[in-house]
Amino acid sequence: MSKYLIGQLSDIDPKGSRTIVVHNLEIALFRLSDGEIFAVENKCPHKGGALSEGMVCGGKVHCPLHDWKIDLQTGNVHEPDDGCVNTYEVEVDRTNGSIYVTI
């Protein structure tokens, strides 16, 4: 596993998202209202919808294509649907706002 500097906390609006690409892997970053940052594979397991374009409610992102709900912490799809996406460890350096993702 490797840790990558992928941006600054100020790059992602509160309650916003951002897409990054690391080694041809597209990752969606989400900043929740409490400031926590989550990183997940930017591809719904159902039809490949871009999760970065989905709406976040609580700790879940809703796929913009068919409203599948995906837990941002575990990557698991909520019932009655089934599946999962990869999640990535995020570290924020609170002294300078740097965001790191471990892949």
PDB file of N, CA and C in Angstrom:
ATOM      1  N   MET A   1       0.847  -1.187   0.000  1.00  0.00           N
ATOM      2  CA  MET A   1       0.000   0.000   0.000  1.00  0.00           C
ATOM      3  C   MET A   1       0.884   1.238   0.000  1.00  0.00           C
ATOM      4  N   SER A   2       0.374   2.283  -0.655  1.00  0.00           N
ATOM      5  CA  SER A   2       1.101   3.544  -0.723  1.00  0.00           C
ATOM      6  C   SER A   2       0.184   4.684  -0.343  1.00  0.00           C
ATOM      7  N   LYS A   3       0.779   5.708   0.273  1.00  0.00           N
ATOM      8  CA  LYS A   3       0.031   6.893   0.693  1.00  0.00           C
ATOM      9  C   LYS A   3       0.359   8.034  -0.264  1.00  0.00           C
ATOM     10  N   TYR A   4      -0.701   8.710  -0.759  1.00  0.00           N
ATOM     11  CA  TYR A   4      -0.546   9.777  -1.745  1.00  0.00           C
ATOM     12  C   TYR A   4      -1.137  11.079  -1.220  1.00  0.00           C
ATOM     13  N   LEU A   5      -0.418  12.166  -1.408  1.00  0.00           N
ATOM     14  CA  LEU A   5      -0.960  13.500  -1.149  1.00  0.00           C
ATOM     15  C   LEU A   5      -1.857  13.835  -2.324  1.00  0.00           C
ATOM     16  N   ILE A   6      -3.151  14.064  -2.055  1.00  0.00           N
ATOM     17  CA  ILE A   6      -4.080  14.263  -3.172  1.00  0.00           C
ATOM     18  C   ILE A   6      -4.728  15.650  -3.173  1.00  0.00           C
ATOM     19  N   GLY A   7      -4.403  16.490  -2.199  1.00  0.00           N
ATOM     20  CA  GLY A   7      -4.968  17.836  -2.208  1.00  0.00           C
ATOM     21  C   GLY A   7      -5.044  18.430  -0.823  1.00  0.00           C
ATOM     22  N   GLN A   8      -5.806  19.512  -0.747  1.00  0.00           N
ATOM     23  CA  GLN A   8      -5.990  20.247   0.497  1.00  0.00           C
ATOM     24  C   GLN A   8      -7.449  20.170   0.926  1.00  0.00           C
ATOM     25  N   LEU A   9      -7.667  20.260   2.222  1.00  0.00           N
ATOM     26  CA  LEU A   9      -9.024  20.245   2.762  1.00  0.00           C
ATOM     27  C   LEU A   9      -9.866  21.348   2.126  1.00  0.00           C
ATOM     28  N   SER A  10      -9.259  22.475   1.848  1.00  0.00           N
ATOM     29  CA  SER A  10      -9.981  23.600   1.239  1.00  0.00           C
ATOM     30  C   SER A  10     -10.412  23.311  -0.203  1.00  0.00           C
ATOM     31  N   ASP A  11      -9.891  22.242  -0.807  1.00  0.00           N
ATOM     32  CA  ASP A  11     -10.269  21.861  -2.174  1.00  0.00           C
ATOM     33  C   ASP A  11     -11.665  21.254  -2.251  1.00  0.00           C
ATOM     34  N   ILE A  12     -12.188  20.782  -1.113  1.00  0.00           N
ATOM     35  CA  ILE A  12     -13.491  20.121  -1.091  1.00  0.00           C
ATOM     36  C   ILE A  12     -14.429  20.926  -0.196  1.00  0.00           C
ATOM     37  N   ASP A  13     -15.481  21.448  -0.777  1.00  0.00           N
ATOM     38  CA  ASP A  13     -16.463  22.207   0.000  1.00  0.00           C
ATOM     39  C   ASP A  13     -17.129  21.300   1.028  1.00  0.00           C
ATOM     40  N   PRO A  14     -17.520  21.869   2.185  1.00  0.00           N
ATOM     41  CA  PRO A  14     -18.316  21.074   3.124  1.00  0.00           C
ATOM     42  C   PRO A  14     -19.561  20.540   2.415  1.00  0.00           C
ATOM     43  N   LYS A  15     -19.865  19.285   2.632  1.00  0.00           N
ATOM     44  CA  LYS A  15     -20.968  18.569   1.991  1.00  0.00           C
ATOM     45  C   LYS A  15     -20.735  18.414   0.487  1.00  0.00           C
ATOM     46  N   GLY A  16     -19.488  18.522   0.041  1.00  0.00           N
ATOM     47  CA  GLY A  16     -19.171  18.422  -1.385  1.00  0.00           C
ATOM     48  C   GLY A  16     -18.391  17.171  -1.710  1.00  0.00           C
ATOM     49  N   SER A  17     -18.091  17.036  -2.993  1.00  0.00           N
ATOM     50  CA  SER A  17     -17.305  15.894  -3.465  1.00  0.00           C
ATOM     51  C   SER A  17     -16.281  16.374  -4.471  1.00  0.00           C
ATOM     52  N   ARG A  18     -15.349  15.497  -4.736  1.00  0.00           N
ATOM     53  CA  ARG A  18     -14.292  15.787  -5.703  1.00  0.00           C
ATOM     54  C   ARG A  18     -13.825  14.442  -6.255  1.00  0.00           C
ATOM     55  N   THR A  19     -13.385  14.433  -7.491  1.00  0.00           N
ATOM     56  CA  THR A  19     -12.872  13.211  -8.103  1.00  0.00           C
ATOM     57  C   THR A  19     -11.382  13.365  -8.344  1.00  0.00           C
ATOM     58  N   ILE A  20     -10.637  12.314  -8.001  1.00  0.00           N
ATOM     59  CA  ILE A  20      -9.198  12.288  -8.267  1.00  0.00           C
ATOM     60  C   ILE A  20      -8.881  10.996  -9.018  1.00  0.00           C
ATOM     61  N   VAL A  21      -7.745  10.983  -9.684  1.00  0.00           N
ATOM     62  CA  VAL A  21      -7.278   9.780 -10.360  1.00  0.00           C
ATOM     63  C   VAL A  21      -5.865   9.496  -9.863  1.00  0.00           C
ATOM     64  N   VAL A  22      -5.676   8.270  -9.353  1.00  0.00           N
ATOM     65  CA  VAL A  22      -4.361   7.825  -8.897  1.00  0.00           C
ATOM     66  C   VAL A  22      -4.073   6.502  -9.601  1.00  0.00           C
ATOM     67  N   HIS A  23      -3.034   6.478 -10.426  1.00  0.00           N
ATOM     68  CA  HIS A  23      -2.657   5.271 -11.175  1.00  0.00           C
ATOM     69  C   HIS A  23      -3.855   4.673 -11.913  1.00  0.00           C
ATOM     70  N   ASN A  24      -4.542   5.484 -12.680  1.00  0.00           N
ATOM     71  CA  ASN A  24      -5.707   5.080 -13.484  1.00  0.00           C
ATOM     72  C   ASN A  24      -6.896   4.604 -12.661  1.00  0.00           C
ATOM     73  N   LEU A  25      -6.890   4.860 -11.368  1.00  0.00           N
ATOM     74  CA  LEU A  25      -7.990   4.500 -10.481  1.00  0.00           C
ATOM     75  C   LEU A  25      -8.750   5.779 -10.132  1.00  0.00           C
ATOM     76  N   GLU A  26     -10.029   5.834 -10.515  1.00  0.00           N
ATOM     77  CA  GLU A  26     -10.838   7.017 -10.236  1.00  0.00           C
ATOM     78  C   GLU A  26     -11.487   6.873  -8.858  1.00  0.00           C
ATOM     79  N   ILE A  27     -11.236   7.866  -8.019  1.00  0.00           N
ATOM     80  CA  ILE A  27     -11.694   7.844  -6.631  1.00  0.00           C
ATOM     81  C   ILE A  27     -12.560   9.068  -6.371  1.00  0.00           C
ATOM     82  N   ALA A  28     -13.688   8.849  -5.684  1.00  0.00           N
ATOM     83  CA  ALA A  28     -14.568   9.940  -5.275  1.00  0.00           C
ATOM     84  C   ALA A  28     -14.272  10.266  -3.812  1.00  0.00           C
ATOM     85  N   LEU A  29     -14.035  11.550  -3.551  1.00  0.00           N
ATOM     86  CA  LEU A  29     -13.834  12.028  -2.181  1.00  0.00           C
ATOM     87  C   LEU A  29     -15.078  12.784  -1.752  1.00  0.00           C
ATOM     88  N   PHE A  30     -15.512  12.543  -0.531  1.00  0.00           N
ATOM     89  CA  PHE A  30     -16.686  13.217   0.011  1.00  0.00           C
ATOM     90  C   PHE A  30     -16.318  13.869   1.336  1.00  0.00           C
ATOM     91  N   ARG A  31     -16.743  15.114   1.517  1.00  0.00           N
ATOM     92  CA  ARG A  31     -16.536  15.820   2.781  1.00  0.00           C
ATOM     93  C   ARG A  31     -17.909  16.000   3.424  1.00  0.00           C
ATOM     94  N   LEU A  32     -18.113  15.328   4.543  1.00  0.00           N
ATOM     95  CA  LEU A  32     -19.400  15.389   5.232  1.00  0.00           C
ATOM     96  C   LEU A  32     -19.526  16.682   6.019  1.00  0.00           C
ATOM     97  N   SER A  33     -20.719  16.944   6.514  1.00  0.00           N
ATOM     98  CA  SER A  33     -20.979  18.189   7.246  1.00  0.00           C
ATOM     99  C   SER A  33     -20.149  18.301   8.515  1.00  0.00           C
ATOM    100  N   ASP A  34     -19.734  17.163   9.090  1.00  0.00           N
ATOM    101  CA  ASP A  34     -18.899  17.198  10.299  1.00  0.00           C
ATOM    102  C   ASP A  34     -17.412  17.330   9.955  1.00  0.00           C
ATOM    103  N   GLY A  35     -17.086  17.441   8.658  1.00  0.00           N
ATOM    104  CA  GLY A  35     -15.712  17.622   8.220  1.00  0.00           C
ATOM    105  C   GLY A  35     -14.981  16.342   7.881  1.00  0.00           C
ATOM    106  N   GLU A  36     -15.570  15.192   8.189  1.00  0.00           N
ATOM    107  CA  GLU A  36     -14.912  13.925   7.889  1.00  0.00           C
ATOM    108  C   GLU A  36     -14.850  13.705   6.375  1.00  0.00           C
ATOM    109  N   ILE A  37     -13.735  13.137   5.916  1.00  0.00           N
ATOM    110  CA  ILE A  37     -13.515  12.875   4.500  1.00  0.00           C
ATOM    111  C   ILE A  37     -13.535  11.364   4.270  1.00  0.00           C
ATOM    112  N   PHE A  38     -14.248  10.939   3.230  1.00  0.00           N
ATOM    113  CA  PHE A  38     -14.282   9.531   2.833  1.00  0.00           C
ATOM    114  C   PHE A  38     -13.847   9.414   1.379  1.00  0.00           C
ATOM    115  N   ALA A  39     -13.215   8.296   1.060  1.00  0.00           N
ATOM    116  CA  ALA A  39     -12.769   8.027  -0.313  1.00  0.00           C
ATOM    117  C   ALA A  39     -13.271   6.652  -0.729  1.00  0.00           C
ATOM    118  N   VAL A  40     -13.969   6.605  -1.863  1.00  0.00           N
ATOM    119  CA  VAL A  40     -14.494   5.348  -2.397  1.00  0.00           C
ATOM    120  C   VAL A  40     -14.243   5.297  -3.899  1.00  0.00           C
ATOM    121  N   GLU A  41     -14.251   4.093  -4.405  1.00  0.00           N
ATOM    122  CA  GLU A  41     -14.180   3.890  -5.850  1.00  0.00           C
ATOM    123  C   GLU A  41     -15.337   4.661  -6.492  1.00  0.00           C
ATOM    124  N   ASN A  42     -15.078   5.389  -7.549  1.00  0.00           N
ATOM    125  CA  ASN A  42     -16.091   6.266  -8.159  1.00  0.00           C
ATOM    126  C   ASN A  42     -16.920   5.512  -9.197  1.00  0.00           C
ATOM    127  N   LYS A  43     -17.437   4.353  -8.805  1.00  0.00           N
ATOM    128  CA  LYS A  43     -18.167   3.532  -9.761  1.00  0.00           C
ATOM    129  C   LYS A  43     -19.146   2.638  -9.010  1.00  0.00           C
ATOM    130  N   CYS A  44     -20.422   2.882  -9.204  1.00  0.00           N
ATOM    131  CA  CYS A  44     -21.441   2.064  -8.558  1.00  0.00           C
ATOM    132  C   CYS A  44     -21.335   0.627  -9.080  1.00  0.00           C
ATOM    133  N   PRO A  45     -21.460  -0.378  -8.205  1.00  0.00           N
ATOM    134  CA  PRO A  45     -21.343  -1.762  -8.667  1.00  0.00           C
ATOM    135  C   PRO A  45     -22.536  -2.226  -9.509  1.00  0.00           C
ATOM    136  N   HIS A  46     -23.599  -1.456  -9.552  1.00  0.00           N
ATOM    137  CA  HIS A  46     -24.788  -1.838 -10.307  1.00  0.00           C
ATOM    138  C   HIS A  46     -24.616  -1.575 -11.803  1.00  0.00           C
ATOM    139  N   LYS A  47     -24.523  -0.305 -12.177  1.00  0.00           N
ATOM    140  CA  LYS A  47     -24.412   0.063 -13.595  1.00  0.00           C
ATOM    141  C   LYS A  47     -23.250   1.015 -13.865  1.00  0.00           C
ATOM    142  N   GLY A  48     -22.344   1.160 -12.887  1.00  0.00           N
ATOM    143  CA  GLY A  48     -21.155   1.970 -13.107  1.00  0.00           C
ATOM    144  C   GLY A  48     -21.360   3.467 -12.983  1.00  0.00           C
ATOM    145  N   GLY A  49     -22.461   3.903 -12.352  1.00  0.00           N
ATOM    146  CA  GLY A  49     -22.717   5.332 -12.181  1.00  0.00           C
ATOM    147  C   GLY A  49     -21.611   6.011 -11.393  1.00  0.00           C
ATOM    148  N   ALA A  50     -21.319   7.266 -11.722  1.00  0.00           N
ATOM    149  CA  ALA A  50     -20.281   8.041 -11.033  1.00  0.00           C
ATOM    150  C   ALA A  50     -20.797   8.459  -9.662  1.00  0.00           C
ATOM    151  N   LEU A  51     -20.282   7.836  -8.621  1.00  0.00           N
ATOM    152  CA  LEU A  51     -20.756   8.126  -7.269  1.00  0.00           C
ATOM    153  C   LEU A  51     -20.474   9.570  -6.847  1.00  0.00           C
ATOM    154  N   SER A  52     -19.440  10.169  -7.428  1.00  0.00           N
ATOM    155  CA  SER A  52     -19.115  11.562  -7.099  1.00  0.00           C
ATOM    156  C   SER A  52     -20.248  12.513  -7.482  1.00  0.00           C
ATOM    157  N   GLU A  53     -21.150  12.067  -8.351  1.00  0.00           N
ATOM    158  CA  GLU A  53     -22.290  12.890  -8.767  1.00  0.00           C
ATOM    159  C   GLU A  53     -23.536  12.593  -7.943  1.00  0.00           C
ATOM    160  N   GLY A  54     -23.413  11.661  -6.990  1.00  0.00           N
ATOM    161  CA  GLY A  54     -24.549  11.280  -6.164  1.00  0.00           C
ATOM    162  C   GLY A  54     -24.752  12.216  -4.991  1.00  0.00           C
ATOM    163  N   MET A  55     -25.907  12.078  -4.368  1.00  0.00           N
ATOM    164  CA  MET A  55     -26.244  12.886  -3.206  1.00  0.00           C
ATOM    165  C   MET A  55     -25.851  12.126  -1.937  1.00  0.00           C
ATOM    166  N   VAL A  56     -25.239  12.832  -0.995  1.00  0.00           N
ATOM    167  CA  VAL A  56     -24.842  12.228   0.269  1.00  0.00           C
ATOM    168  C   VAL A  56     -25.898  12.530   1.315  1.00  0.00           C
ATOM    169  N   CYS A  57     -26.293  11.490   2.019  1.00  0.00           N
ATOM    170  CA  CYS A  57     -27.266  11.623   3.097  1.00  0.00           C
ATOM    171  C   CYS A  57     -26.735  10.818   4.269  1.00  0.00           C
ATOM    172  N   GLY A  58     -26.384  11.516   5.349  1.00  0.00           N
ATOM    173  CA  GLY A  58     -25.745  10.821   6.463  1.00  0.00           C
ATOM    174  C   GLY A  58     -24.408  10.295   6.000  1.00  0.00           C
ATOM    175  N   GLY A  59     -24.150   9.039   6.248  1.00  0.00           N
ATOM    176  CA  GLY A  59     -22.893   8.423   5.845  1.00  0.00           C
ATOM    177  C   GLY A  59     -23.020   7.590   4.594  1.00  0.00           C
ATOM    178  N   LYS A  60     -24.027   7.886   3.760  1.00  0.00           N
ATOM    179  CA  LYS A  60     -24.266   7.114   2.537  1.00  0.00           C
ATOM    180  C   LYS A  60     -24.280   8.043   1.327  1.00  0.00           C
ATOM    181  N   VAL A  61     -23.838   7.513   0.195  1.00  0.00           N
ATOM    182  CA  VAL A  61     -23.982   8.221  -1.067  1.00  0.00           C
ATOM    183  C   VAL A  61     -25.008   7.459  -1.891  1.00  0.00           C
ATOM    184  N   HIS A  62     -25.889   8.198  -2.546  1.00  0.00           N
ATOM    185  CA  HIS A  62     -26.925   7.614  -3.393  1.00  0.00           C
ATOM    186  C   HIS A  62     -26.437   7.683  -4.833  1.00  0.00           C
ATOM    187  N   CYS A  63     -26.367   6.536  -5.492  1.00  0.00           N
ATOM    188  CA  CYS A  63     -25.939   6.496  -6.887  1.00  0.00           C
ATOM    189  C   CYS A  63     -26.897   7.355  -7.717  1.00  0.00           C
ATOM    190  N   PRO A  64     -26.364   8.223  -8.591  1.00  0.00           N
ATOM    191  CA  PRO A  64     -27.229   9.102  -9.377  1.00  0.00           C
ATOM    192  C   PRO A  64     -28.046   8.377 -10.447  1.00  0.00           C
ATOM    193  N   LEU A  65     -27.690   7.145 -10.790  1.00  0.00           N
ATOM    194  CA  LEU A  65     -28.424   6.437 -11.837  1.00  0.00           C
ATOM    195  C   LEU A  65     -29.677   5.736 -11.326  1.00  0.00           C
ATOM    196  N   HIS A  66     -29.541   4.952 -10.245  1.00  0.00           N
ATOM    197  CA  HIS A  66     -30.674   4.144  -9.787  1.00  0.00           C
ATOM    198  C   HIS A  66     -30.877   4.203  -8.278  1.00  0.00           C
ATOM    199  N   ASP A  67     -30.270   5.201  -7.624  1.00  0.00           N
ATOM    200  CA  ASP A  67     -30.481   5.464  -6.198  1.00  0.00           C
ATOM    201  C   ASP A  67     -30.011   4.344  -5.271  1.00  0.00           C
ATOM    202  N   TRP A  68     -29.080   3.520  -5.699  1.00  0.00           N
ATOM    203  CA  TRP A  68     -28.501   2.558  -4.762  1.00  0.00           C
ATOM    204  C   TRP A  68     -27.790   3.347  -3.673  1.00  0.00           C
ATOM    205  N   LYS A  69     -27.905   2.890  -2.427  1.00  0.00           N
ATOM    206  CA  LYS A  69     -27.286   3.573  -1.287  1.00  0.00           C
ATOM    207  C   LYS A  69     -26.033   2.816  -0.881  1.00  0.00           C
ATOM    208  N   ILE A  70     -24.907   3.533  -0.849  1.00  0.00           N
ATOM    209  CA  ILE A  70     -23.618   2.918  -0.562  1.00  0.00           C
ATOM    210  C   ILE A  70     -23.017   3.568   0.670  1.00  0.00           C
ATOM    211  N   ASP A  71     -22.670   2.746   1.653  1.00  0.00           N
ATOM    212  CA  ASP A  71     -22.068   3.218   2.896  1.00  0.00           C
ATOM    213  C   ASP A  71     -20.665   3.724   2.602  1.00  0.00           C
ATOM    214  N   LEU A  72     -20.387   4.970   2.955  1.00  0.00           N
ATOM    215  CA  LEU A  72     -19.091   5.567   2.642  1.00  0.00           C
ATOM    216  C   LEU A  72     -17.962   4.982   3.476  1.00  0.00           C
ATOM    217  N   GLN A  73     -18.273   4.446   4.649  1.00  0.00           N
ATOM    218  CA  GLN A  73     -17.233   3.888   5.508  1.00  0.00           C
ATOM    219  C   GLN A  73     -16.854   2.471   5.105  1.00  0.00           C
ATOM    220  N   THR A  74     -17.840   1.648   4.782  1.00  0.00           N
ATOM    221  CA  THR A  74     -17.576   0.239   4.479  1.00  0.00           C
ATOM    222  C   THR A  74     -17.569  -0.073   2.988  1.00  0.00           C
ATOM    223  N   GLY A  75     -18.251   0.746   2.184  1.00  0.00           N
ATOM    224  CA  GLY A  75     -18.390   0.481   0.753  1.00  0.00           C
ATOM    225  C   GLY A  75     -19.535  -0.462   0.431  1.00  0.00           C
ATOM    226  N   ASN A  76     -20.222  -0.961   1.448  1.00  0.00           N
ATOM    227  CA  ASN A  76     -21.323  -1.906   1.233  1.00  0.00           C
ATOM    228  C   ASN A  76     -22.575  -1.203   0.728  1.00  0.00           C
ATOM    229  N   VAL A  77     -23.259  -1.867  -0.194  1.00  0.00           N
ATOM    230  CA  VAL A  77     -24.541  -1.392  -0.706  1.00  0.00           C
ATOM    231  C   VAL A  77     -25.619  -1.800   0.292  1.00  0.00           C
ATOM    232  N   HIS A  78     -26.547  -0.885   0.549  1.00  0.00           N
ATOM    233  CA  HIS A  78     -27.629  -1.167   1.496  1.00  0.00           C
ATOM    234  C   HIS A  78     -28.716  -2.012   0.843  1.00  0.00           C
ATOM    235  N   GLU A  79     -29.314  -2.894   1.652  1.00  0.00           N
ATOM    236  CA  GLU A  79     -30.425  -3.747   1.198  1.00  0.00           C
ATOM    237  C   GLU A  79     -31.590  -2.884   0.751  1.00  0.00           C
ATOM    238  N   PRO A  80     -32.365  -3.343  -0.175  1.00  0.00           N
ATOM    239  CA  PRO A  80     -32.440  -4.698  -0.693  1.00  0.00           C
ATOM    240  C   PRO A  80     -31.418  -4.975  -1.798  1.00  0.00           C
ATOM    241  N   ASP A  81     -30.629  -3.960  -2.177  1.00  0.00           N
ATOM    242  CA  ASP A  81     -29.628  -4.149  -3.227  1.00  0.00           C
ATOM    243  C   ASP A  81     -28.404  -4.831  -2.639  1.00  0.00           C
ATOM    244  N   ASP A  82     -27.496  -5.286  -3.502  1.00  0.00           N
ATOM    245  CA  ASP A  82     -26.358  -6.056  -3.044  1.00  0.00           C
ATOM    246  C   ASP A  82     -25.118  -5.679  -3.840  1.00  0.00           C
ATOM    247  N   GLY A  83     -23.998  -5.580  -3.154  1.00  0.00           N
ATOM    248  CA  GLY A  83     -22.730  -5.279  -3.803  1.00  0.00           C
ATOM    249  C   GLY A  83     -21.853  -4.449  -2.889  1.00  0.00           C
ATOM    250  N   CYS A  84     -20.703  -4.041  -3.393  1.00  0.00           N
ATOM    251  CA  CYS A  84     -19.827  -3.168  -2.620  1.00  0.00           C
ATOM    252  C   CYS A  84     -18.845  -2.471  -3.568  1.00  0.00           C
ATOM    253  N   VAL A  85     -18.272  -1.394  -3.061  1.00  0.00           N
ATOM    254  CA  VAL A  85     -17.219  -0.672  -3.775  1.00  0.00           C
ATOM    255  C   VAL A  85     -15.993  -0.637  -2.864  1.00  0.00           C
ATOM    256  N   ASN A  86     -14.842  -0.431  -3.453  1.00  0.00           N
ATOM    257  CA  ASN A  86     -13.614  -0.308  -2.663  1.00  0.00           C
ATOM    258  C   ASN A  86     -13.617   1.018  -1.920  1.00  0.00           C
ATOM    259  N   THR A  87     -13.126   0.982  -0.703  1.00  0.00           N
ATOM    260  CA  THR A  87     -12.950   2.194   0.089  1.00  0.00           C
ATOM    261  C   THR A  87     -11.461   2.371   0.343  1.00  0.00           C
ATOM    262  N   TYR A  88     -11.066   3.602   0.626  1.00  0.00           N
ATOM    263  CA  TYR A  88      -9.653   3.908   0.817  1.00  0.00           C
ATOM    264  C   TYR A  88      -9.480   4.734   2.084  1.00  0.00           C
ATOM    265  N   GLU A  89      -8.407   4.444   2.792  1.00  0.00           N
ATOM    266  CA  GLU A  89      -8.102   5.162   4.029  1.00  0.00           C
ATOM    267  C   GLU A  89      -7.722   6.607   3.701  1.00  0.00           C
ATOM    268  N   VAL A  90      -8.301   7.532   4.464  1.00  0.00           N
ATOM    269  CA  VAL A  90      -8.027   8.957   4.279  1.00  0.00           C
ATOM    270  C   VAL A  90      -7.412   9.503   5.557  1.00  0.00           C
ATOM    271  N   GLU A  91      -6.397  10.321   5.390  1.00  0.00           N
ATOM    272  CA  GLU A  91      -5.757  10.983   6.521  1.00  0.00           C
ATOM    273  C   GLU A  91      -5.685  12.472   6.205  1.00  0.00           C
ATOM    274  N   VAL A  92      -6.107  13.297   7.161  1.00  0.00           N
ATOM    275  CA  VAL A  92      -6.042  14.747   6.986  1.00  0.00           C
ATOM    276  C   VAL A  92      -5.062  15.300   8.013  1.00  0.00           C
ATOM    277  N   ASP A  93      -4.061  16.007   7.543  1.00  0.00           N
ATOM    278  CA  ASP A  93      -3.117  16.685   8.429  1.00  0.00           C
ATOM    279  C   ASP A  93      -3.765  17.999   8.840  1.00  0.00           C
ATOM    280  N   ARG A  94      -4.261  18.048  10.056  1.00  0.00           N
ATOM    281  CA  ARG A  94      -5.007  19.228  10.536  1.00  0.00           C
ATOM    282  C   ARG A  94      -4.122  20.452  10.722  1.00  0.00           C
ATOM    283  N   THR A  95      -2.796  20.287  10.714  1.00  0.00           N
ATOM    284  CA  THR A  95      -1.923  21.452  10.865  1.00  0.00           C
ATOM    285  C   THR A  95      -1.825  22.257   9.580  1.00  0.00           C
ATOM    286  N   ASN A  96      -1.911  21.566   8.424  1.00  0.00           N
ATOM    287  CA  ASN A  96      -1.786  22.297   7.160  1.00  0.00           C
ATOM    288  C   ASN A  96      -2.899  21.988   6.156  1.00  0.00           C
ATOM    289  N   GLY A  97      -3.836  21.078   6.530  1.00  0.00           N
ATOM    290  CA  GLY A  97      -4.974  20.775   5.663  1.00  0.00           C
ATOM    291  C   GLY A  97      -4.705  19.807   4.528  1.00  0.00           C
ATOM    292  N   SER A  98      -3.528  19.184   4.516  1.00  0.00           N
ATOM    293  CA  SER A  98      -3.209  18.220   3.451  1.00  0.00           C
ATOM    294  C   SER A  98      -4.037  16.955   3.617  1.00  0.00           C
ATOM    295  N   ILE A  99      -4.509  16.423   2.470  1.00  0.00           N
ATOM    296  CA  ILE A  99      -5.288  15.181   2.466  1.00  0.00           C
ATOM    297  C   ILE A  99      -4.449  14.102   1.799  1.00  0.00           C
ATOM    298  N   TYR A 100      -4.367  12.951   2.483  1.00  0.00           N
ATOM    299  CA  TYR A 100      -3.652  11.794   1.966  1.00  0.00           C
ATOM    300  C   TYR A 100      -4.614  10.626   1.823  1.00  0.00           C
ATOM    301  N   VAL A 101      -4.445   9.847   0.756  1.00  0.00           N
ATOM    302  CA  VAL A 101      -5.231   8.636   0.551  1.00  0.00           C
ATOM    303  C   VAL A 101      -4.260   7.475   0.424  1.00  0.00           C
ATOM    304  N   THR A 102      -4.573   6.379   1.118  1.00  0.00           N
ATOM    305  CA  THR A 102      -3.774   5.172   1.041  1.00  0.00           C
ATOM    306  C   THR A 102      -4.444   4.190   0.107  1.00  0.00           C
ATOM    307  N   ILE A 103      -3.690   3.746  -0.880  1.00  0.00           N
ATOM    308  CA  ILE A 103      -4.213   2.808  -1.876  1.00  0.00           C
ATOM    309  C   ILE A 103      -3.370   1.533  -1.841  1.00  0.00           C
TER     310      ILE A 103
END
